[in-house]
C-alpha atoms as a PDB file:
ATOM      1  CA  MET A   1     108.571 117.966  85.821  1.00  0.00           C
ATOM      2  CA  LEU A   2     105.238 116.144  86.122  1.00  0.00           C
ATOM      3  CA  GLU A   3     101.712 117.735  86.474  1.00  0.00           C
ATOM      4  CA  ILE A   4      98.693 115.556  86.914  1.00  0.00           C
ATOM      5  CA  ARG A   5      95.648 117.745  86.763  1.00  0.00           C
ATOM      6  CA  ASN A   6      92.296 116.281  87.908  1.00  0.00           C
ATOM      7  CA  ILE A   7      92.495 113.008  86.201  1.00  0.00           C
ATOM      8  CA  THR A   8      89.766 110.424  86.316  1.00  0.00           C
ATOM      9  CA  LYS A   9      89.939 106.695  85.278  1.00  0.00           C
ATOM     10  CA  VAL A  10      86.928 104.425  85.547  1.00  0.00           C
ATOM     11  CA  PHE A  11      87.011 100.725  84.698  1.00  0.00           C
ATOM     12  CA  ASN A  12      83.891  98.806  83.539  1.00  0.00           C
ATOM     13  CA  ALA A  13      81.906 102.052  83.568  1.00  0.00           C
ATOM     14  CA  GLY A  14      78.072 101.558  83.796  1.00  0.00           C
ATOM     15  CA  THR A  15      78.341  97.935  84.796  1.00  0.00           C
ATOM     16  CA  VAL A  16      77.967  96.202  88.263  1.00  0.00           C
ATOM     17  CA  ASN A  17      81.803  95.876  88.091  1.00  0.00           C
ATOM     18  CA  GLU A  18      82.346  99.592  87.820  1.00  0.00           C
ATOM     19  CA  LYS A  19      85.561 100.661  89.635  1.00  0.00           C
ATOM     20  CA  VAL A  20      86.664 104.269  90.041  1.00  0.00           C
ATOM     21  CA  ALA A  21      90.497 103.776  90.007  1.00  0.00           C
ATOM     22  CA  LEU A  22      91.472 107.549  89.965  1.00  0.00           C
ATOM     23  CA  ASP A  23      89.079 110.047  91.215  1.00  0.00           C
ATOM     24  CA  ASP A  24      89.824 113.684  90.259  1.00  0.00           C
ATOM     25  CA  PHE A  25      93.486 112.931  90.983  1.00  0.00           C
ATOM     26  CA  SER A  26      96.028 115.690  90.978  1.00  0.00           C
ATOM     27  CA  LEU A  27      99.831 115.536  91.673  1.00  0.00           C
ATOM     28  CA  THR A  28     102.742 117.912  90.913  1.00  0.00           C
ATOM     29  CA  LEU A  29     106.405 116.719  91.088  1.00  0.00           C
ATOM     30  CA  GLU A  30     109.306 119.253  90.892  1.00  0.00           C
ATOM     31  CA  ASP A  31     112.450 118.601  89.030  1.00  0.00           C
ATOM     32  CA  GLY A  32     114.529 116.096  90.984  1.00  0.00           C
ATOM     33  CA  ASP A  33     111.793 115.010  93.377  1.00  0.00           C
ATOM     34  CA  PHE A  34     112.002 111.405  94.518  1.00  0.00           C
ATOM     35  CA  VAL A  35     108.628 110.471  95.717  1.00  0.00           C
ATOM     36  CA  THR A  36     107.638 107.182  97.347  1.00  0.00           C
ATOM     37  CA  VAL A  37     104.071 106.006  96.955  1.00  0.00           C
ATOM     38  CA  ILE A  38     102.185 103.714  99.280  1.00  0.00           C
ATOM     39  CA  GLY A  39      98.579 102.568  99.745  1.00  0.00           C
ATOM     40  CA  GLY A  40      96.506  99.501 100.050  1.00  0.00           C
ATOM     41  CA  ASN A  41      95.353  97.146  97.306  1.00  0.00           C
ATOM     42  CA  GLY A  42      93.156  99.021  94.957  1.00  0.00           C
ATOM     43  CA  ALA A  43      94.299 102.417  96.100  1.00  0.00           C
ATOM     44  CA  GLY A  44      95.127 103.517  92.531  1.00  0.00           C
ATOM     45  CA  LYS A  45      98.950 103.312  92.584  1.00  0.00           C
ATOM     46  CA  SER A  46      99.588 101.184  89.548  1.00  0.00           C
ATOM     47  CA  THR A  47      96.673 102.899  87.765  1.00  0.00           C
ATOM     48  CA  MET A  48      98.440 106.223  88.315  1.00  0.00           C
ATOM     49  CA  LEU A  49     101.676 104.965  86.795  1.00  0.00           C
ATOM     50  CA  ASN A  50      99.860 103.314  83.863  1.00  0.00           C
ATOM     51  CA  ALA A  51      98.069 106.595  83.307  1.00  0.00           C
ATOM     52  CA  ILE A  52     101.307 108.564  83.255  1.00  0.00           C
ATOM     53  CA  ALA A  53     102.898 105.936  80.881  1.00  0.00           C
ATOM     54  CA  GLY A  54      99.868 105.954  78.567  1.00  0.00           C
ATOM     55  CA  VAL A  55      99.077 102.224  78.998  1.00  0.00           C
ATOM     56  CA  TRP A  56      95.500 103.424  78.939  1.00  0.00           C
ATOM     57  CA  GLN A  57      93.976 106.789  78.369  1.00  0.00           C
ATOM     58  CA  VAL A  58      92.208 108.737  81.257  1.00  0.00           C
ATOM     59  CA  ASP A  59      88.602 109.646  81.048  1.00  0.00           C
ATOM     60  CA  ALA A  60      89.102 113.222  82.114  1.00  0.00           C
ATOM     61  CA  GLY A  61      91.965 115.583  83.076  1.00  0.00           C
ATOM     62  CA  GLN A  62      95.501 116.309  81.797  1.00  0.00           C
ATOM     63  CA  ILE A  63      98.990 114.897  82.182  1.00  0.00           C
ATOM     64  CA  LEU A  64     102.050 117.061  81.511  1.00  0.00           C
ATOM     65  CA  ILE A  65     105.708 115.969  81.560  1.00  0.00           C
ATOM     66  CA  ASP A  66     108.292 118.711  81.564  1.00  0.00           C
ATOM     67  CA  GLY A  67     105.666 121.021  80.398  1.00  0.00           C
ATOM     68  CA  GLU A  68     104.561 118.810  77.426  1.00  0.00           C
ATOM     69  CA  ASP A  69     100.855 117.806  77.402  1.00  0.00           C
ATOM     70  CA  VAL A  70     101.027 114.098  76.837  1.00  0.00           C
ATOM     71  CA  THR A  71      97.417 113.350  77.712  1.00  0.00           C
ATOM     72  CA  GLY A  72      96.538 112.155  74.266  1.00  0.00           C
ATOM     73  CA  LEU A  73      99.779 110.549  73.323  1.00  0.00           C
ATOM     74  CA  PRO A  74      99.988 106.779  72.992  1.00  0.00           C
ATOM     75  CA  GLU A  75     102.351 104.746  75.090  1.00  0.00           C
ATOM     76  CA  HIS A  76     105.132 104.439  72.439  1.00  0.00           C
ATOM     77  CA  LYS A  77     105.279 108.135  71.938  1.00  0.00           C
ATOM     78  CA  ARG A  78     105.620 108.797  75.690  1.00  0.00           C
ATOM     79  CA  ALA A  79     108.374 106.213  76.060  1.00  0.00           C
ATOM     80  CA  ARG A  80     110.984 108.799  74.967  1.00  0.00           C
ATOM     81  CA  LEU A  81     110.257 110.717  78.158  1.00  0.00           C
ATOM     82  CA  LEU A  82     110.088 107.874  80.646  1.00  0.00           C
ATOM     83  CA  GLY A  83     112.055 105.093  82.176  1.00  0.00           C
ATOM     84  CA  ARG A  84     110.148 102.285  83.931  1.00  0.00           C
ATOM     85  CA  VAL A  85     111.026  99.269  85.973  1.00  0.00           C
ATOM     86  CA  PHE A  86     108.236  96.648  86.781  1.00  0.00           C
ATOM     87  CA  GLN A  87     107.821  94.309  89.630  1.00  0.00           C
ATOM     88  CA  ASP A  88     108.582  91.224  87.547  1.00  0.00           C
ATOM     89  CA  PRO A  89     112.488  90.939  86.984  1.00  0.00           C
ATOM     90  CA  MET A  90     111.794  89.132  83.807  1.00  0.00           C
ATOM     91  CA  THR A  91     110.287  92.164  82.301  1.00  0.00           C
ATOM     92  CA  GLY A  92     112.325  94.930  80.732  1.00  0.00           C
ATOM     93  CA  THR A  93     115.236  92.849  79.366  1.00  0.00           C
ATOM     94  CA  ALA A  94     115.740  90.416  76.417  1.00  0.00           C
ATOM     95  CA  ALA A  95     116.594  87.071  78.021  1.00  0.00           C
ATOM     96  CA  THR A  96     118.267  85.586  74.892  1.00  0.00           C
ATOM     97  CA  MET A  97     120.579  88.571  74.370  1.00  0.00           C
ATOM     98  CA  GLY A  98     123.733  89.327  76.161  1.00  0.00           C
ATOM     99  CA  ILE A  99     124.204  92.031  78.860  1.00  0.00           C
ATOM    100  CA  GLU A 100     126.043  94.367  76.504  1.00  0.00           C
ATOM    101  CA  GLU A 101     123.455  93.893  73.836  1.00  0.00           C
ATOM    102  CA  ASN A 102     120.673  94.763  76.190  1.00  0.00           C
ATOM    103  CA  LEU A 103     122.506  97.946  77.268  1.00  0.00           C
ATOM    104  CA  ALA A 104     123.200  98.818  73.567  1.00  0.00           C
ATOM    105  CA  LEU A 105     119.477  98.576  72.807  1.00  0.00           C
ATOM    106  CA  ALA A 106     118.760 100.887  75.776  1.00  0.00           C
ATOM    107  CA  LYS A 107     121.316 103.307  74.653  1.00  0.00           C
ATOM    108  CA  ARG A 108     119.761 103.535  71.229  1.00  0.00           C
ATOM    109  CA  ARG A 109     116.342 104.267  72.630  1.00  0.00           C
ATOM    110  CA  GLY A 110     114.437 106.805  70.543  1.00  0.00           C
ATOM    111  CA  ARG A 111     116.463 106.019  67.492  1.00  0.00           C
ATOM    112  CA  ARG A 112     116.245 103.132  65.038  1.00  0.00           C
ATOM    113  CA  ARG A 113     117.302 100.229  67.301  1.00  0.00           C
ATOM    114  CA  PHE A 114     119.569  97.759  65.556  1.00  0.00           C
ATOM    115  CA  LEU A 115     123.089  96.679  66.497  1.00  0.00           C
ATOM    116  CA  GLY A 116     124.532  97.198  62.944  1.00  0.00           C
ATOM    117  CA  SER A 117     128.079  96.041  62.754  1.00  0.00           C
ATOM    118  CA  GLY A 118     128.105  95.501  66.527  1.00  0.00           C
ATOM    119  CA  ILE A 119     129.104  97.227  69.791  1.00  0.00           C
ATOM    120  CA  THR A 120     132.185  99.441  69.649  1.00  0.00           C
ATOM    121  CA  GLN A 121     134.989  98.984  72.148  1.00  0.00           C
ATOM    122  CA  LYS A 122     134.271 102.477  73.430  1.00  0.00           C
ATOM    123  CA  GLU A 123     130.702 101.430  74.225  1.00  0.00           C
ATOM    124  CA  ARG A 124     131.962  98.275  75.906  1.00  0.00           C
ATOM    125  CA  GLU A 125     134.092 100.345  78.197  1.00  0.00           C
ATOM    126  CA  GLU A 126     131.241 102.623  78.970  1.00  0.00           C
ATOM    127  CA  TYR A 127     129.052  99.591  79.902  1.00  0.00           C
ATOM    128  CA  LYS A 128     131.769  98.224  82.105  1.00  0.00           C
ATOM    129  CA  GLU A 129     131.951 101.374  84.109  1.00  0.00           C
ATOM    130  CA  LEU A 130     128.223 101.629  84.367  1.00  0.00           C
ATOM    131  CA  LEU A 131     127.868  98.042  85.577  1.00  0.00           C
ATOM    132  CA  LYS A 132     130.496  98.585  88.248  1.00  0.00           C
ATOM    133  CA  ILE A 133     127.974 100.813  89.945  1.00  0.00           C
ATOM    134  CA  LEU A 134     125.839  97.754  90.612  1.00  0.00           C
ATOM    135  CA  GLY A 135     128.580  95.884  92.515  1.00  0.00           C
ATOM    136  CA  LEU A 136     127.444  92.545  91.182  1.00  0.00           C
ATOM    137  CA  GLY A 137     130.409  91.638  88.985  1.00  0.00           C
ATOM    138  CA  LEU A 138     128.371  91.941  85.801  1.00  0.00           C
ATOM    139  CA  GLU A 139     131.114  94.180  84.244  1.00  0.00           C
ATOM    140  CA  ASN A 140     133.092  90.986  83.753  1.00  0.00           C
ATOM    141  CA  ARG A 141     130.176  89.102  82.138  1.00  0.00           C
ATOM    142  CA  LEU A 142     129.282  91.396  79.236  1.00  0.00           C
ATOM    143  CA  THR A 143     128.525  88.591  76.794  1.00  0.00           C
ATOM    144  CA  SER A 144     126.516  86.469  79.342  1.00  0.00           C
ATOM    145  CA  LYS A 145     122.926  85.909  78.323  1.00  0.00           C
ATOM    146  CA  VAL A 146     120.508  87.884  80.555  1.00  0.00           C
ATOM    147  CA  GLY A 147     118.346  84.743  81.007  1.00  0.00           C
ATOM    148  CA  LEU A 148     121.017  83.223  83.013  1.00  0.00           C
ATOM    149  CA  LEU A 149     121.108  86.033  85.605  1.00  0.00           C
ATOM    150  CA  SER A 150     119.391  85.877  88.947  1.00  0.00           C
ATOM    151  CA  GLY A 151     116.308  87.919  89.554  1.00  0.00           C
ATOM    152  CA  GLY A 152     118.196  90.550  91.531  1.00  0.00           C
ATOM    153  CA  GLN A 153     120.972  90.894  88.848  1.00  0.00           C
ATOM    154  CA  ARG A 154     118.377  91.122  86.134  1.00  0.00           C
ATOM    155  CA  GLN A 155     116.348  93.813  88.048  1.00  0.00           C
ATOM    156  CA  ALA A 156     119.437  95.921  88.681  1.00  0.00           C
ATOM    157  CA  LEU A 157     120.329  95.665  85.018  1.00  0.00           C
ATOM    158  CA  THR A 158     116.793  96.720  84.079  1.00  0.00           C
ATOM    159  CA  LEU A 159     117.172  99.753  86.305  1.00  0.00           C
ATOM    160  CA  LEU A 160     120.485 100.624  84.701  1.00  0.00           C
ATOM    161  CA  MET A 161     118.846 100.316  81.268  1.00  0.00           C
ATOM    162  CA  ALA A 162     115.757 102.422  82.278  1.00  0.00           C
ATOM    163  CA  THR A 163     118.043 105.263  83.360  1.00  0.00           C
ATOM    164  CA  LEU A 164     120.797 105.093  80.650  1.00  0.00           C
ATOM    165  CA  GLN A 165     119.226 107.888  78.650  1.00  0.00           C
ATOM    166  CA  LYS A 166     118.382 109.967  81.670  1.00  0.00           C
ATOM    167  CA  PRO A 167     114.578 110.000  81.335  1.00  0.00           C
ATOM    168  CA  LYS A 168     112.532 113.088  82.310  1.00  0.00           C
ATOM    169  CA  LEU A 169     110.622 110.821  84.731  1.00  0.00           C
ATOM    170  CA  LEU A 170     111.532 107.408  86.172  1.00  0.00           C
ATOM    171  CA  LEU A 171     108.567 105.085  87.187  1.00  0.00           C
ATOM    172  CA  LEU A 172     109.405 102.285  89.644  1.00  0.00           C
ATOM    173  CA  ASP A 173     106.417  99.929  90.034  1.00  0.00           C
ATOM    174  CA  GLU A 174     107.154  97.867  93.198  1.00  0.00           C
ATOM    175  CA  HIS A 175     110.483  96.914  91.494  1.00  0.00           C
ATOM    176  CA  THR A 176     111.869  94.997  94.560  1.00  0.00           C
ATOM    177  CA  ALA A 177     108.706  93.226  95.740  1.00  0.00           C
ATOM    178  CA  ALA A 178     109.640  90.063  93.891  1.00  0.00           C
ATOM    179  CA  LEU A 179     113.162  89.833  95.474  1.00  0.00           C
ATOM    180  CA  ASP A 180     114.463  88.396  98.722  1.00  0.00           C
ATOM    181  CA  PRO A 181     115.035  91.035 101.452  1.00  0.00           C
ATOM    182  CA  LYS A 182     118.867  91.111 101.000  1.00  0.00           C
ATOM    183  CA  THR A 183     118.752  91.475  97.278  1.00  0.00           C
ATOM    184  CA  ALA A 184     115.829  94.010  97.505  1.00  0.00           C
ATOM    185  CA  ALA A 185     117.956  96.167  99.857  1.00  0.00           C
ATOM    186  CA  LYS A 186     120.914  96.056  97.370  1.00  0.00           C
ATOM    187  CA  VAL A 187     118.600  97.102  94.493  1.00  0.00           C
ATOM    188  CA  LEU A 188     117.130  99.950  96.538  1.00  0.00           C
ATOM    189  CA  GLU A 189     120.623 101.171  97.463  1.00  0.00           C
ATOM    190  CA  THR A 190     121.499 101.148  93.784  1.00  0.00           C
ATOM    191  CA  THR A 191     118.249 102.889  92.975  1.00  0.00           C
ATOM    192  CA  GLU A 192     119.049 105.693  95.545  1.00  0.00           C
ATOM    193  CA  TYR A 193     122.509 106.132  94.059  1.00  0.00           C
ATOM    194  CA  ILE A 194     121.409 106.245  90.386  1.00  0.00           C
ATOM    195  CA  VAL A 195     118.485 108.617  91.144  1.00  0.00           C
ATOM    196  CA  ASN A 196     120.639 111.034  93.204  1.00  0.00           C
ATOM    197  CA  GLN A 197     123.614 110.945  90.873  1.00  0.00           C
ATOM    198  CA  ASN A 198     121.498 111.703  87.748  1.00  0.00           C
ATOM    199  CA  LYS A 199     119.060 113.979  89.661  1.00  0.00           C
ATOM    200  CA  LEU A 200     116.201 111.991  88.268  1.00  0.00           C
ATOM    201  CA  THR A 201     112.629 112.858  88.998  1.00  0.00           C
ATOM    202  CA  THR A 202     111.168 109.601  90.352  1.00  0.00           C
ATOM    203  CA  LEU A 203     107.923 108.030  91.448  1.00  0.00           C
ATOM    204  CA  MET A 204     108.525 104.728  93.316  1.00  0.00           C
ATOM    205  CA  ILE A 205     105.576 102.539  94.420  1.00  0.00           C
ATOM    206  CA  THR A 206     106.534 100.368  97.317  1.00  0.00           C
ATOM    207  CA  HIS A 207     104.577  97.845  99.371  1.00  0.00           C
ATOM    208  CA  ASN A 208     106.961  98.590 102.452  1.00  0.00           C
ATOM    209  CA  MET A 209     106.283 101.467 104.669  1.00  0.00           C
ATOM    210  CA  LYS A 210     109.818 101.408 106.045  1.00  0.00           C
ATOM    211  CA  ASP A 211     111.328 101.782 102.503  1.00  0.00           C
ATOM    212  CA  ALA A 212     108.837 104.483 101.716  1.00  0.00           C
ATOM    213  CA  ILE A 213     110.119 106.454 104.771  1.00  0.00           C
ATOM    214  CA  ILE A 214     113.845 105.837 104.266  1.00  0.00           C
ATOM    215  CA  HIS A 215     114.032 106.615 100.537  1.00  0.00           C
ATOM    216  CA  GLY A 216     113.285 109.780  98.632  1.00  0.00           C
ATOM    217  CA  ASN A 217     112.453 113.334  99.771  1.00  0.00           C
ATOM    218  CA  ARG A 218     108.756 112.989  99.682  1.00  0.00           C
ATOM    219  CA  LEU A 219     106.014 110.412 100.533  1.00  0.00           C
ATOM    220  CA  ILE A 220     102.428 110.139  99.252  1.00  0.00           C
ATOM    221  CA  MET A 221      99.727 107.785 100.350  1.00  0.00           C
ATOM    222  CA  LEU A 222      96.813 106.900  98.056  1.00  0.00           C
ATOM    223  CA  MET A 223      93.377 105.703  99.059  1.00  0.00           C
ATOM    224  CA  ASP A 224      90.393 105.194  96.760  1.00  0.00           C
ATOM    225  CA  GLY A 225      92.096 106.928  93.841  1.00  0.00           C
ATOM    226  CA  LYS A 226      93.088 109.998  95.818  1.00  0.00           C
ATOM    227  CA  VAL A 227      96.163 111.326  97.531  1.00  0.00           C
ATOM    228  CA  ILE A 228      95.357 111.446 101.290  1.00  0.00           C
ATOM    229  CA  LEU A 229      98.746 112.036 102.655  1.00  0.00           C
ATOM    230  CA  ASP A 230     101.715 114.109 101.271  1.00  0.00           C
ATOM    231  CA  ILE A 231     104.785 114.325 103.621  1.00  0.00           C
ATOM    232  CA  ARG A 232     107.994 115.922 102.701  1.00  0.00           C
ATOM    233  CA  GLY A 233     111.047 117.826 104.119  1.00  0.00           C
ATOM    234  CA  GLU A 234     111.866 117.674 107.789  1.00  0.00           C
ATOM    235  CA  GLU A 235     108.558 115.980 108.686  1.00  0.00           C
ATOM    236  CA  LYS A 236     109.457 113.039 106.384  1.00  0.00           C
ATOM    237  CA  LYS A 237     112.955 112.684 107.812  1.00  0.00           C
ATOM    238  CA  LYS A 238     111.500 112.371 111.332  1.00  0.00           C
ATOM    239  CA  LEU A 239     108.679 109.993 110.314  1.00  0.00           C
ATOM    240  CA  THR A 240     108.266 106.532 111.788  1.00  0.00           C
ATOM    241  CA  VAL A 241     105.992 103.712 110.736  1.00  0.00           C
ATOM    242  CA  GLU A 242     103.856 104.306 113.869  1.00  0.00           C
ATOM    243  CA  ASP A 243     103.483 108.027 112.849  1.00  0.00           C
ATOM    244  CA  LEU A 244     102.415 107.127 109.372  1.00  0.00           C
ATOM    245  CA  LEU A 245      99.899 104.605 110.568  1.00  0.00           C
ATOM    246  CA  HIS A 246      98.440 107.303 112.996  1.00  0.00           C
ATOM    247  CA  LYS A 247      98.336 109.914 110.231  1.00  0.00           C
ATOM    248  CA  PHE A 248      96.485 107.510 108.024  1.00  0.00           C
ATOM    249  CA  GLU A 249      93.882 106.742 110.620  1.00  0.00           C
ATOM    250  CA  GLU A 250      93.425 110.454 111.274  1.00  0.00           C
ATOM    251  CA  VAL A 251      92.850 111.201 107.571  1.00  0.00           C
ATOM    252  CA  SER A 252      90.909 108.036 106.473  1.00  0.00           C
ATOM    253  CA  GLY A 253      89.000 107.305 109.706  1.00  0.00           C
ATOM    254  CA  GLU A 254      90.006 103.685 109.497  1.00  0.00           C
ATOM    255  CA  ALA A 255      93.084 101.480 110.297  1.00  0.00           C
ATOM    256  CA  PHE A 256      95.664 100.484 107.665  1.00  0.00           C
ATOM    257  CA  VAL A 257      95.219  96.696 107.221  1.00  0.00           C
ATOM    258  CA  SER A 258      98.272  95.616 105.131  1.00  0.00           C
ATOM    259  CA  ASP A 259     100.615  93.658 107.393  1.00  0.00           C
ATOM    260  CA  LYS A 260     102.953  93.309 104.528  1.00  0.00           C
ATOM    261  CA  ALA A 261     103.298  97.054 104.153  1.00  0.00           C
ATOM    262  CA  ILE A 262     103.741  97.541 107.876  1.00  0.00           C
ATOM    263  CA  LEU A 263     106.149  94.713 108.654  1.00  0.00           C
ATOM    264  CA  GLY A 264     108.055  94.658 105.309  1.00  0.00           C
END
């Protein structure tokens, strides 16, 4: 479903601030893979997602989504293939519009997006059923303005909107990092349910090693713009934070220094 072939991305090339964010980076995801991504600051995690989404063009290499070469496509043309949820709960929804209006816009993704004569009763019933999945009571607040929701409610709604059209690839960029632990756990539980129900191929960046181990069927760790660990199957199921730290030290030759990632 995703093939990244030897991509390179350099920022501020030829200056004293030159930074190689992705270094001959390759990664393949099979249809239905749920891959968690960890790594320290500057490892290349968000650069990888932005390269896939077309936020900026790569300097070398190829990116294919479901067999389609999207390397040269601008961000808006890749959007039909992707769903994305960002770290900031305020991103991804229209605050001054109602919950049902936000869902209606997401449902019309890829077509001319206007509400026309309004939302049909059939659509409204569909949205109610979808919102029940979240377990937040939002199905009874369809006309409430999204700007009045809590951060967790808004992030859960954004997740629902990003997956409404069943994208080829779902990108989750530390989508629970700005939430309190209880709310983050609820959003992650919902994420797992939606991804598994819809068999969505997913890349989830997380700052929390425990979450990276618990969720998904595969875990990769990035360092200096490269994949240095790729753990899956039975090995991942038996993995502990201590095992992961030991593997990182073996491969990189140094200790992993992010207390936030280790302790959660």
